[in-house]
């Protein structure tokens, strides 16, 4: 079943067992929209493990774009960051990531994450601006 979310046609939706993280998949744009439904949440390693597994199954070995709407997210634990770093480092693609609505702590963690993983990623004030930036960038193999 296809529905609209933030201007995207999404055909897949997934929520981690804790309820802290929601993923929506737009296969036409190869874009995953990540959001945090409950206010003040700290995303954990367990949440990341479930989210990474679902993203990998949707990506199917192909590149993807990730749009993270940080509303509701207070922080992440070290395991969350390690799971996502491992996921992106292990892929042979130049995946693109954009973050929107970050608080100062999450913004600092994102800056360190982008530097450590060498991802092409940026932060934006809103989801629409982030989505526009993501969709304007081609998905391609990572240079060896």
Protein backbone atom coordinates (compact mmCIF):
# COMPACT_ATOMS: atom_id res chain seq x y z
CA UNK A 1 0.00 0.00 0.00
CA UNK A 2 1.40 3.39 -1.00
CA UNK A 3 0.79 6.53 1.07
CA UNK A 4 2.21 10.06 1.19
CA UNK A 5 4.57 11.25 3.91
CA UNK A 6 6.49 14.54 3.71
CA UNK A 7 5.78 14.71 -0.02
CA UNK A 8 7.12 11.20 -0.69
CA UNK A 9 5.24 8.18 -1.96
CA UNK A 10 6.14 5.54 0.59
CA UNK A 11 5.35 1.87 0.23
CA UNK A 12 7.09 0.43 3.27
CA UNK A 13 6.87 1.39 6.93
CA UNK A 14 8.62 -0.07 9.96
CA UNK A 15 8.73 0.81 13.65
CA UNK A 16 11.34 -0.66 15.98
CA UNK A 17 10.05 -2.92 18.75
CA UNK A 18 10.69 -0.17 21.33
CA UNK A 19 8.53 2.27 19.35
CA UNK A 20 11.34 4.85 19.40
CA UNK A 21 12.19 4.82 15.67
CA UNK A 22 9.97 4.84 12.59
CA UNK A 23 11.22 4.22 9.05
CA UNK A 24 9.33 4.92 5.83
CA UNK A 25 10.67 3.66 2.48
CA UNK A 26 10.19 5.46 -0.83
CA UNK A 27 11.55 3.02 -3.43
CA UNK A 28 11.15 5.41 -6.37
CA UNK A 29 13.54 7.91 -4.74
CA UNK A 30 15.54 5.20 -2.93
CA UNK A 31 14.93 7.26 0.19
CA UNK A 32 14.38 6.18 3.80
CA UNK A 33 12.67 8.71 6.07
CA UNK A 34 13.60 8.12 9.71
CA UNK A 35 11.60 9.78 12.47
CA UNK A 36 11.20 9.59 16.24
CA UNK A 37 7.48 9.47 17.15
CA UNK A 38 7.83 10.13 20.88
CA UNK A 39 9.29 13.32 22.34
CA UNK A 40 12.54 13.19 24.33
CA UNK A 41 13.74 9.77 23.20
CA UNK A 42 17.28 8.42 23.32
CA UNK A 43 17.84 6.06 20.39
CA UNK A 44 19.71 2.91 21.41
CA UNK A 45 21.95 0.27 19.88
CA UNK A 46 19.01 -2.16 19.82
CA UNK A 47 16.92 0.37 17.86
CA UNK A 48 19.80 0.90 15.44
CA UNK A 49 20.24 -2.84 14.89
CA UNK A 50 16.58 -3.20 13.89
CA UNK A 51 16.64 -0.05 11.74
CA UNK A 52 19.86 -1.00 9.94
CA UNK A 53 18.54 -4.50 9.20
CA UNK A 54 15.35 -3.06 7.68
CA UNK A 55 17.26 -0.43 5.67
CA UNK A 56 19.60 -3.12 4.32
CA UNK A 57 16.66 -5.25 3.22
CA UNK A 58 15.00 -2.30 1.47
CA UNK A 59 18.27 -1.20 -0.16
CA UNK A 60 18.95 -4.70 -1.48
CA UNK A 61 22.63 -3.99 -2.12
CA UNK A 62 21.87 -0.73 -3.96
CA UNK A 63 22.55 2.85 -2.86
CA UNK A 64 20.09 4.80 -0.75
CA UNK A 65 19.30 8.20 0.69
CA UNK A 66 18.49 8.65 4.37
CA UNK A 67 16.50 11.61 5.65
CA UNK A 68 16.50 11.83 9.45
CA UNK A 69 13.79 14.01 10.99
CA UNK A 70 15.21 14.54 14.48
CA UNK A 71 12.06 16.00 16.05
CA UNK A 72 11.47 13.99 19.20
CA UNK A 73 15.08 12.77 19.41
CA UNK A 74 16.93 13.92 22.54
CA UNK A 75 20.11 11.86 22.06
CA UNK A 76 21.62 8.58 20.86
CA UNK A 77 23.80 6.12 22.70
CA UNK A 78 27.27 5.08 21.52
CA UNK A 79 25.91 1.76 20.24
CA UNK A 80 23.44 3.57 17.95
CA UNK A 81 26.24 5.57 16.38
CA UNK A 82 28.49 2.49 16.04
CA UNK A 83 25.72 0.46 14.32
CA UNK A 84 25.09 3.18 11.74
CA UNK A 85 28.80 3.86 11.21
CA UNK A 86 29.34 0.16 10.52
CA UNK A 87 26.39 0.05 8.15
CA UNK A 88 27.56 2.99 6.03
CA UNK A 89 31.26 2.06 6.09
CA UNK A 90 30.48 -1.47 4.92
CA UNK A 91 28.58 -0.39 1.84
CA UNK A 92 30.19 0.11 -1.56
CA UNK A 93 27.98 3.11 -2.30
CA UNK A 94 28.14 6.83 -1.67
CA UNK A 95 24.92 6.92 0.29
CA UNK A 96 23.57 10.37 1.11
CA UNK A 97 22.22 11.43 4.52
CA UNK A 98 20.41 14.60 5.57
CA UNK A 99 19.25 15.57 9.05
CA UNK A 100 16.50 18.06 9.95
CA UNK A 101 15.22 19.57 13.21
CA UNK A 102 18.27 18.78 15.36
CA UNK A 103 18.78 19.98 18.91
CA UNK A 104 22.34 21.21 19.73
CA UNK A 105 23.47 17.89 21.24
CA UNK A 106 22.26 15.84 18.26
CA UNK A 107 23.80 18.44 15.93
CA UNK A 108 27.19 17.98 17.57
CA UNK A 109 26.90 14.17 17.33
CA UNK A 110 25.93 14.42 13.65
CA UNK A 111 28.95 16.61 12.88
CA UNK A 112 31.28 14.07 14.50
CA UNK A 113 29.48 11.18 12.78
CA UNK A 114 29.84 12.73 9.30
CA UNK A 115 33.53 13.40 9.87
CA UNK A 116 34.21 9.91 11.21
CA UNK A 117 32.33 8.06 8.47
CA UNK A 118 33.17 10.43 5.60
CA UNK A 119 29.54 10.32 4.51
CA UNK A 120 28.13 12.97 2.27
CA UNK A 121 25.70 14.48 4.73
CA UNK A 122 24.25 17.83 5.74
CA UNK A 123 21.89 19.27 8.28
CA UNK A 124 18.88 21.42 7.46
CA UNK A 125 16.23 23.39 9.32
CA UNK A 126 13.36 21.45 7.76
CA UNK A 127 12.47 18.18 6.10
CA UNK A 128 11.45 19.74 2.76
CA UNK A 129 14.83 21.45 2.30
CA UNK A 130 16.65 18.26 3.31
CA UNK A 131 14.60 16.14 0.88
CA UNK A 132 15.27 18.57 -1.98
CA UNK A 133 19.03 18.41 -1.31
CA UNK A 134 19.01 14.60 -1.14
CA UNK A 135 17.05 14.13 -4.35
CA UNK A 136 19.34 16.53 -6.25
CA UNK A 137 22.37 14.30 -5.57
CA UNK A 138 22.96 11.22 -7.72
CA UNK A 139 23.57 7.89 -6.06
CA UNK A 140 26.82 6.28 -7.18
CA UNK A 141 29.49 3.78 -6.27
CA UNK A 142 32.12 4.86 -3.76
CA UNK A 143 35.54 5.61 -5.25
CA UNK A 144 38.10 2.95 -4.34
